[in-house]
Amino acid sequence: MRCGNSERVDLEKMSNDLTNLIAQAIKASDVSSTIREMTIGQLIQGLEDQGLFLLVFMTGKGQTPFMVGEKELIKTKFMQKYGLSEADIKTISLCAQGLTDEKIAERLGTISADGIRKRLKKIRNRIGASNKVEIVAKANEEGIV
């Protein structure tokens, strides 16, 4: 099979890697399932039947795929919808804990309280909020915090 960049994809290796990753996901989530001789489709269906959602990202040549759970998918969609970064999401998460701008800056360690205020203003503008409470409410409503 060929990808858009004309690199050859080893489907058997990809299948084995994906099967191993799914097995790790099942173990990590304490799902009481035994992995037997199943196809990848059956494994994925089993995860979905138990309320677990899976997204597989293919990485660069020679790297293995990685999976993201439902919470991560929700966060990614929220970020894309409003044009937010990981740092914005972390800031929102810290706001949800009731921290002041100064405490948020202290926790992040890479930005000043003024930088936090600027970041929050950007976030407010992008998601249509008037203040921190509305930012957190919107994030909570969409399952981010």
N, C-alpha and C. Protein backbone atom coordinates (compact mmCIF):
# COMPACT_ATOMS: atom_id res chain seq x y z
N MET A 1 0.85 -1.18 0.00
CA MET A 1 0.00 0.00 0.00
C MET A 1 0.89 1.24 0.00
N ARG A 2 0.48 2.26 -0.72
CA ARG A 2 1.27 3.49 -0.79
C ARG A 2 0.51 4.64 -0.14
N CYS A 3 1.27 5.48 0.56
CA CYS A 3 0.69 6.69 1.16
C CYS A 3 0.85 7.84 0.17
N GLY A 4 0.31 8.99 0.54
CA GLY A 4 0.39 10.17 -0.31
C GLY A 4 1.82 10.56 -0.63
N ASN A 5 2.75 10.28 0.28
CA ASN A 5 4.13 10.65 0.04
C ASN A 5 4.93 9.51 -0.58
N SER A 6 4.23 8.51 -1.13
CA SER A 6 4.81 7.38 -1.86
C SER A 6 5.71 6.48 -1.02
N GLU A 7 5.61 6.52 0.30
CA GLU A 7 6.36 5.59 1.13
C GLU A 7 5.59 4.29 1.21
N ARG A 8 6.32 3.19 1.24
CA ARG A 8 5.67 1.89 1.35
C ARG A 8 5.25 1.66 2.80
N VAL A 9 4.03 1.19 2.97
CA VAL A 9 3.50 0.93 4.30
C VAL A 9 3.47 -0.58 4.51
N ASP A 10 4.07 -1.05 5.57
CA ASP A 10 4.07 -2.46 5.91
C ASP A 10 2.81 -2.75 6.72
N LEU A 11 1.77 -3.26 6.05
CA LEU A 11 0.48 -3.48 6.69
C LEU A 11 0.55 -4.51 7.80
N GLU A 12 1.36 -5.53 7.64
CA GLU A 12 1.47 -6.54 8.69
C GLU A 12 2.08 -5.95 9.95
N LYS A 13 3.14 -5.17 9.80
CA LYS A 13 3.77 -4.52 10.95
C LYS A 13 2.79 -3.54 11.58
N MET A 14 2.09 -2.76 10.75
CA MET A 14 1.12 -1.80 11.26
C MET A 14 0.02 -2.52 12.04
N SER A 15 -0.43 -3.65 11.52
CA SER A 15 -1.46 -4.45 12.19
C SER A 15 -0.97 -4.94 13.54
N ASN A 16 0.26 -5.44 13.59
CA ASN A 16 0.83 -5.92 14.85
C ASN A 16 1.00 -4.78 15.85
N ASP A 17 1.51 -3.64 15.38
CA ASP A 17 1.68 -2.48 16.25
C ASP A 17 0.35 -2.03 16.82
N LEU A 18 -0.66 -1.97 15.96
CA LEU A 18 -1.98 -1.52 16.39
C LEU A 18 -2.59 -2.50 17.39
N THR A 19 -2.43 -3.79 17.13
CA THR A 19 -2.93 -4.80 18.06
C THR A 19 -2.27 -4.64 19.43
N ASN A 20 -0.97 -4.41 19.45
CA ASN A 20 -0.26 -4.21 20.72
C ASN A 20 -0.74 -2.95 21.43
N LEU A 21 -0.94 -1.88 20.68
CA LEU A 21 -1.42 -0.65 21.29
C LEU A 21 -2.82 -0.81 21.87
N ILE A 22 -3.67 -1.51 21.17
CA ILE A 22 -5.03 -1.75 21.67
C ILE A 22 -4.97 -2.59 22.94
N ALA A 23 -4.11 -3.58 22.95
CA ALA A 23 -3.95 -4.41 24.15
C ALA A 23 -3.51 -3.55 25.33
N GLN A 24 -2.58 -2.63 25.09
CA GLN A 24 -2.12 -1.73 26.15
C GLN A 24 -3.25 -0.83 26.62
N ALA A 25 -4.06 -0.34 25.69
CA ALA A 25 -5.18 0.54 26.05
C ALA A 25 -6.20 -0.21 26.90
N ILE A 26 -6.46 -1.45 26.55
CA ILE A 26 -7.42 -2.26 27.32
C ILE A 26 -6.88 -2.47 28.74
N LYS A 27 -5.62 -2.83 28.85
CA LYS A 27 -5.03 -3.04 30.17
C LYS A 27 -5.02 -1.75 30.98
N ALA A 28 -4.68 -0.64 30.35
CA ALA A 28 -4.60 0.65 31.05
C ALA A 28 -5.96 1.12 31.54
N SER A 29 -7.02 0.74 30.87
CA SER A 29 -8.34 1.21 31.25
C SER A 29 -9.08 0.20 32.13
N ASP A 30 -8.40 -0.83 32.60
CA ASP A 30 -8.99 -1.85 33.46
C ASP A 30 -10.22 -2.50 32.86
N VAL A 31 -10.24 -2.64 31.55
CA VAL A 31 -11.34 -3.32 30.89
C VAL A 31 -11.15 -4.81 31.12
N SER A 32 -12.19 -5.47 31.61
CA SER A 32 -12.06 -6.89 31.93
C SER A 32 -12.31 -7.73 30.68
N SER A 33 -11.43 -7.63 29.72
CA SER A 33 -11.52 -8.42 28.49
C SER A 33 -10.23 -9.19 28.31
N THR A 34 -10.36 -10.34 27.74
CA THR A 34 -9.18 -11.13 27.41
C THR A 34 -8.97 -11.01 25.91
N ILE A 35 -7.76 -10.68 25.54
CA ILE A 35 -7.46 -10.56 24.12
C ILE A 35 -7.08 -11.95 23.61
N ARG A 36 -7.87 -12.42 22.69
CA ARG A 36 -7.62 -13.72 22.09
C ARG A 36 -7.21 -13.49 20.63
N GLU A 37 -7.34 -14.50 19.85
CA GLU A 37 -7.06 -14.38 18.43
C GLU A 37 -8.21 -13.60 17.79
N MET A 38 -8.08 -12.30 17.75
CA MET A 38 -9.13 -11.44 17.20
C MET A 38 -8.52 -10.56 16.13
N THR A 39 -9.35 -10.13 15.22
CA THR A 39 -8.89 -9.17 14.23
C THR A 39 -8.86 -7.79 14.88
N ILE A 40 -8.16 -6.87 14.26
CA ILE A 40 -8.13 -5.50 14.76
C ILE A 40 -9.54 -4.93 14.81
N GLY A 41 -10.33 -5.21 13.79
CA GLY A 41 -11.71 -4.72 13.77
C GLY A 41 -12.51 -5.23 14.96
N GLN A 42 -12.32 -6.50 15.32
CA GLN A 42 -13.02 -7.06 16.48
C GLN A 42 -12.55 -6.40 17.77
N LEU A 43 -11.24 -6.15 17.88
CA LEU A 43 -10.71 -5.48 19.06
C LEU A 43 -11.30 -4.08 19.20
N ILE A 44 -11.30 -3.34 18.10
CA ILE A 44 -11.83 -1.97 18.13
C ILE A 44 -13.32 -2.00 18.46
N GLN A 45 -14.05 -2.94 17.87
CA GLN A 45 -15.49 -3.05 18.16
C GLN A 45 -15.71 -3.36 19.63
N GLY A 46 -14.87 -4.21 20.20
CA GLY A 46 -14.98 -4.54 21.62
C GLY A 46 -14.76 -3.32 22.49
N LEU A 47 -13.79 -2.50 22.12
CA LEU A 47 -13.55 -1.27 22.88
C LEU A 47 -14.76 -0.35 22.78
N GLU A 48 -15.29 -0.19 21.57
CA GLU A 48 -16.44 0.69 21.37
C GLU A 48 -17.65 0.17 22.13
N ASP A 49 -17.85 -1.15 22.15
CA ASP A 49 -18.97 -1.74 22.88
C ASP A 49 -18.90 -1.44 24.37
N GLN A 50 -17.69 -1.27 24.87
CA GLN A 50 -17.51 -0.99 26.29
C GLN A 50 -17.41 0.51 26.56
N GLY A 51 -17.75 1.32 25.58
CA GLY A 51 -17.77 2.76 25.77
C GLY A 51 -16.43 3.43 25.63
N LEU A 52 -15.45 2.74 25.10
CA LEU A 52 -14.14 3.34 24.89
C LEU A 52 -14.02 3.72 23.42
N PHE A 53 -13.49 4.88 23.17
CA PHE A 53 -13.36 5.34 21.80
C PHE A 53 -11.88 5.45 21.48
N LEU A 54 -11.58 5.26 20.25
CA LEU A 54 -10.20 5.12 19.85
C LEU A 54 -9.94 5.89 18.57
N LEU A 55 -8.83 6.58 18.53
CA LEU A 55 -8.39 7.22 17.31
C LEU A 55 -6.92 6.89 17.15
N VAL A 56 -6.55 6.43 16.00
CA VAL A 56 -5.17 6.04 15.76
C VAL A 56 -4.55 7.06 14.82
N PHE A 57 -3.43 7.62 15.24
CA PHE A 57 -2.69 8.56 14.42
C PHE A 57 -1.46 7.87 13.89
N MET A 58 -1.25 7.98 12.61
CA MET A 58 -0.03 7.42 12.04
C MET A 58 1.04 8.51 12.10
N THR A 59 2.18 8.14 12.60
CA THR A 59 3.27 9.09 12.73
C THR A 59 4.25 8.88 11.59
N GLY A 60 5.41 9.48 11.70
CA GLY A 60 6.39 9.42 10.61
C GLY A 60 6.94 8.03 10.36
N LYS A 61 7.70 7.92 9.31
CA LYS A 61 8.31 6.66 8.88
C LYS A 61 9.09 6.03 10.03
N GLY A 62 8.83 4.74 10.24
CA GLY A 62 9.56 4.02 11.27
C GLY A 62 9.02 4.20 12.67
N GLN A 63 7.99 5.03 12.84
CA GLN A 63 7.41 5.24 14.16
C GLN A 63 6.11 4.46 14.25
N THR A 64 5.72 4.14 15.47
CA THR A 64 4.49 3.38 15.65
C THR A 64 3.30 4.33 15.77
N PRO A 65 2.12 3.82 15.45
CA PRO A 65 0.92 4.64 15.63
C PRO A 65 0.68 4.89 17.11
N PHE A 66 -0.09 5.91 17.44
CA PHE A 66 -0.47 6.11 18.83
C PHE A 66 -1.96 6.37 18.89
N MET A 67 -2.54 6.11 20.05
CA MET A 67 -3.99 6.21 20.21
C MET A 67 -4.35 7.32 21.16
N VAL A 68 -5.53 7.84 20.96
CA VAL A 68 -6.05 8.90 21.81
C VAL A 68 -7.44 8.48 22.24
N GLY A 69 -7.77 8.68 23.50
CA GLY A 69 -9.08 8.34 24.02
C GLY A 69 -10.10 9.44 23.78
N GLU A 70 -11.31 9.19 24.23
CA GLU A 70 -12.44 10.10 24.00
C GLU A 70 -12.19 11.49 24.57
N LYS A 71 -11.66 11.59 25.78
CA LYS A 71 -11.42 12.89 26.42
C LYS A 71 -10.45 13.72 25.57
N GLU A 72 -9.43 13.07 25.06
CA GLU A 72 -8.45 13.76 24.22
C GLU A 72 -9.07 14.22 22.91
N LEU A 73 -9.96 13.43 22.35
CA LEU A 73 -10.66 13.82 21.12
C LEU A 73 -11.53 15.04 21.35
N ILE A 74 -12.24 15.06 22.47
CA ILE A 74 -13.09 16.21 22.80
C ILE A 74 -12.25 17.46 22.93
N LYS A 75 -11.12 17.34 23.63
CA LYS A 75 -10.22 18.49 23.80
C LYS A 75 -9.70 18.97 22.46
N THR A 76 -9.29 18.05 21.59
CA THR A 76 -8.76 18.41 20.27
C THR A 76 -9.81 19.13 19.44
N LYS A 77 -11.04 18.63 19.46
CA LYS A 77 -12.13 19.29 18.71
C LYS A 77 -12.37 20.69 19.23
N PHE A 78 -12.36 20.85 20.55
CA PHE A 78 -12.55 22.17 21.17
C PHE A 78 -11.44 23.12 20.73
N MET A 79 -10.21 22.63 20.75
CA MET A 79 -9.07 23.45 20.34
C MET A 79 -9.20 23.88 18.89
N GLN A 80 -9.59 22.95 18.03
CA GLN A 80 -9.74 23.27 16.60
C GLN A 80 -10.91 24.23 16.37
N LYS A 81 -12.00 23.99 17.06
CA LYS A 81 -13.20 24.82 16.90
C LYS A 81 -12.92 26.29 17.20
N TYR A 82 -12.12 26.54 18.24
CA TYR A 82 -11.87 27.91 18.67
C TYR A 82 -10.46 28.40 18.39
N GLY A 83 -9.64 27.60 17.73
CA GLY A 83 -8.27 28.02 17.42
C GLY A 83 -7.41 28.19 18.65
N LEU A 84 -7.52 27.26 19.60
CA LEU A 84 -6.77 27.36 20.85
C LEU A 84 -5.58 26.40 20.84
N SER A 85 -4.62 26.70 21.69
CA SER A 85 -3.42 25.88 21.81
C SER A 85 -3.49 25.02 23.07
N GLU A 86 -2.52 24.12 23.21
CA GLU A 86 -2.41 23.33 24.44
C GLU A 86 -2.23 24.25 25.64
N ALA A 87 -1.43 25.30 25.48
CA ALA A 87 -1.21 26.25 26.57
C ALA A 87 -2.52 26.93 26.97
N ASP A 88 -3.37 27.24 25.99
CA ASP A 88 -4.67 27.84 26.29
C ASP A 88 -5.53 26.88 27.11
N ILE A 89 -5.52 25.60 26.72
CA ILE A 89 -6.31 24.60 27.43
C ILE A 89 -5.79 24.43 28.85
N LYS A 90 -4.49 24.40 29.02
CA LYS A 90 -3.89 24.29 30.36
C LYS A 90 -4.29 25.49 31.21
N THR A 91 -4.29 26.67 30.60
CA THR A 91 -4.69 27.89 31.32
C THR A 91 -6.15 27.79 31.75
N ILE A 92 -7.01 27.34 30.85
CA ILE A 92 -8.43 27.17 31.18
C ILE A 92 -8.58 26.17 32.33
N SER A 93 -7.84 25.09 32.28
CA SER A 93 -7.89 24.08 33.33
C SER A 93 -7.50 24.66 34.68
N LEU A 94 -6.48 25.48 34.69
CA LEU A 94 -6.05 26.12 35.95
C LEU A 94 -7.07 27.15 36.42
N CYS A 95 -7.71 27.84 35.49
CA CYS A 95 -8.79 28.78 35.84
C CYS A 95 -9.93 28.02 36.52
N ALA A 96 -10.22 26.83 36.00
CA ALA A 96 -11.30 26.02 36.55
C ALA A 96 -11.01 25.61 38.00
N GLN A 97 -9.75 25.62 38.38
CA GLN A 97 -9.37 25.30 39.75
C GLN A 97 -9.49 26.52 40.66
N GLY A 98 -9.89 27.65 40.08
CA GLY A 98 -10.09 28.87 40.86
C GLY A 98 -8.82 29.64 41.15
N LEU A 99 -7.76 29.38 40.39
CA LEU A 99 -6.49 30.06 40.63
C LEU A 99 -6.50 31.48 40.07
N THR A 100 -5.75 32.36 40.71
CA THR A 100 -5.59 33.73 40.21
C THR A 100 -4.63 33.72 39.03
N ASP A 101 -4.58 34.83 38.31
CA ASP A 101 -3.64 34.94 37.18
C ASP A 101 -2.20 34.73 37.65
N GLU A 102 -1.90 35.26 38.81
CA GLU A 102 -0.55 35.14 39.36
C GLU A 102 -0.21 33.68 39.67
N LYS A 103 -1.15 32.96 40.28
CA LYS A 103 -0.94 31.55 40.61
C LYS A 103 -0.85 30.69 39.35
N ILE A 104 -1.65 31.04 38.33
CA ILE A 104 -1.58 30.31 37.06
C ILE A 104 -0.19 30.49 36.44
N ALA A 105 0.28 31.73 36.43
CA ALA A 105 1.61 32.02 35.88
C ALA A 105 2.69 31.26 36.65
N GLU A 106 2.53 31.23 37.96
CA GLU A 106 3.48 30.52 38.82
C GLU A 106 3.48 29.02 38.50
N ARG A 107 2.30 28.45 38.34
CA ARG A 107 2.18 27.01 38.04
C ARG A 107 2.79 26.68 36.67
N LEU A 108 2.51 27.53 35.68
CA LEU A 108 3.03 27.27 34.34
C LEU A 108 4.53 27.51 34.27
N GLY A 109 4.98 28.53 34.97
CA GLY A 109 6.41 28.80 35.06
C GLY A 109 7.07 29.37 33.82
N THR A 110 6.30 29.59 32.76
CA THR A 110 6.89 30.07 31.51
C THR A 110 6.27 31.38 31.04
N ILE A 111 5.40 31.95 31.85
CA ILE A 111 4.66 33.12 31.44
C ILE A 111 4.35 33.96 32.68
N SER A 112 4.28 35.27 32.48
CA SER A 112 3.97 36.17 33.60
C SER A 112 2.46 36.29 33.80
N ALA A 113 2.07 36.92 34.90
CA ALA A 113 0.65 37.16 35.16
C ALA A 113 0.05 38.04 34.06
N ASP A 114 0.83 39.00 33.56
CA ASP A 114 0.36 39.84 32.45
C ASP A 114 0.16 38.99 31.20
N GLY A 115 1.06 38.05 30.97
CA GLY A 115 0.92 37.13 29.84
C GLY A 115 -0.33 36.28 29.97
N ILE A 116 -0.64 35.86 31.18
CA ILE A 116 -1.86 35.09 31.43
C ILE A 116 -3.08 35.94 31.12
N ARG A 117 -3.08 37.19 31.55
CA ARG A 117 -4.21 38.08 31.27
C ARG A 117 -4.40 38.26 29.76
N LYS A 118 -3.30 38.41 29.02
CA LYS A 118 -3.39 38.53 27.56
C LYS A 118 -3.92 37.25 26.94
N ARG A 119 -3.44 36.11 27.44
CA ARG A 119 -3.90 34.82 26.93
C ARG A 119 -5.40 34.65 27.20
N LEU A 120 -5.84 35.01 28.39
CA LEU A 120 -7.26 34.90 28.73
C LEU A 120 -8.13 35.82 27.87
N LYS A 121 -7.60 37.00 27.57
CA LYS A 121 -8.34 37.91 26.69
C LYS A 121 -8.50 37.28 25.31
N LYS A 122 -7.43 36.67 24.80
CA LYS A 122 -7.49 35.99 23.50
C LYS A 122 -8.52 34.86 23.54
N ILE A 123 -8.47 34.07 24.62
CA ILE A 123 -9.41 32.95 24.77
C ILE A 123 -10.84 33.48 24.83
N ARG A 124 -11.08 34.53 25.62
CA ARG A 124 -12.43 35.12 25.73
C ARG A 124 -12.93 35.53 24.35
N ASN A 125 -12.09 36.21 23.59
CA ASN A 125 -12.48 36.66 22.25
C ASN A 125 -12.79 35.48 21.33
N ARG A 126 -12.00 34.44 21.41
CA ARG A 126 -12.18 33.30 20.49
C ARG A 126 -13.42 32.47 20.81
N ILE A 127 -13.75 32.34 22.10
CA ILE A 127 -14.90 31.50 22.43
C ILE A 127 -16.15 32.31 22.74
N GLY A 128 -16.03 33.64 22.70
CA GLY A 128 -17.19 34.50 22.92
C GLY A 128 -17.60 34.59 24.38
N ALA A 129 -16.63 34.65 25.27
CA ALA A 129 -16.90 34.76 26.70
C ALA A 129 -16.57 36.17 27.18
N SER A 130 -17.19 36.56 28.28
CA SER A 130 -16.95 37.90 28.85
C SER A 130 -15.93 37.89 29.97
N ASN A 131 -15.76 36.74 30.61
CA ASN A 131 -14.86 36.66 31.77
C ASN A 131 -14.40 35.22 32.00
N LYS A 132 -13.59 35.02 33.05
CA LYS A 132 -13.07 33.69 33.36
C LYS A 132 -14.18 32.69 33.64
N VAL A 133 -15.20 33.15 34.37
CA VAL A 133 -16.30 32.25 34.72
C VAL A 133 -16.96 31.70 33.46
N GLU A 134 -17.16 32.56 32.48
CA GLU A 134 -17.78 32.12 31.22
C GLU A 134 -16.85 31.21 30.42
N ILE A 135 -15.55 31.48 30.49
CA ILE A 135 -14.57 30.61 29.82
C ILE A 135 -14.68 29.20 30.40
N VAL A 136 -14.64 29.12 31.73
CA VAL A 136 -14.69 27.82 32.40
C VAL A 136 -16.04 27.14 32.15
N ALA A 137 -17.12 27.92 32.17
CA ALA A 137 -18.45 27.35 31.92
C ALA A 137 -18.52 26.75 30.52
N LYS A 138 -17.98 27.47 29.53
CA LYS A 138 -17.98 26.97 28.15
C LYS A 138 -17.15 25.70 28.03
N ALA A 139 -15.97 25.71 28.65
CA ALA A 139 -15.11 24.53 28.62
C ALA A 139 -15.78 23.36 29.32
N ASN A 140 -16.43 23.61 30.42
CA ASN A 140 -17.15 22.57 31.15
C ASN A 140 -18.31 22.02 30.33
N GLU A 141 -19.03 22.92 29.70
CA GLU A 141 -20.17 22.54 28.85
C GLU A 141 -19.73 21.61 27.72
N GLU A 142 -18.53 21.84 27.20
CA GLU A 142 -18.02 21.04 26.08
C GLU A 142 -17.16 19.87 26.52
N GLY A 143 -17.08 19.65 27.85
CA GLY A 143 -16.37 18.47 28.37
C GLY A 143 -14.87 18.59 28.48
N ILE A 144 -14.38 19.81 28.53
CA ILE A 144 -12.92 20.03 28.57
C ILE A 144 -12.41 19.98 30.01
N VAL A 145 -13.15 20.54 30.93
CA VAL A 145 -12.73 20.54 32.35
C VAL A 145 -13.74 19.82 33.21
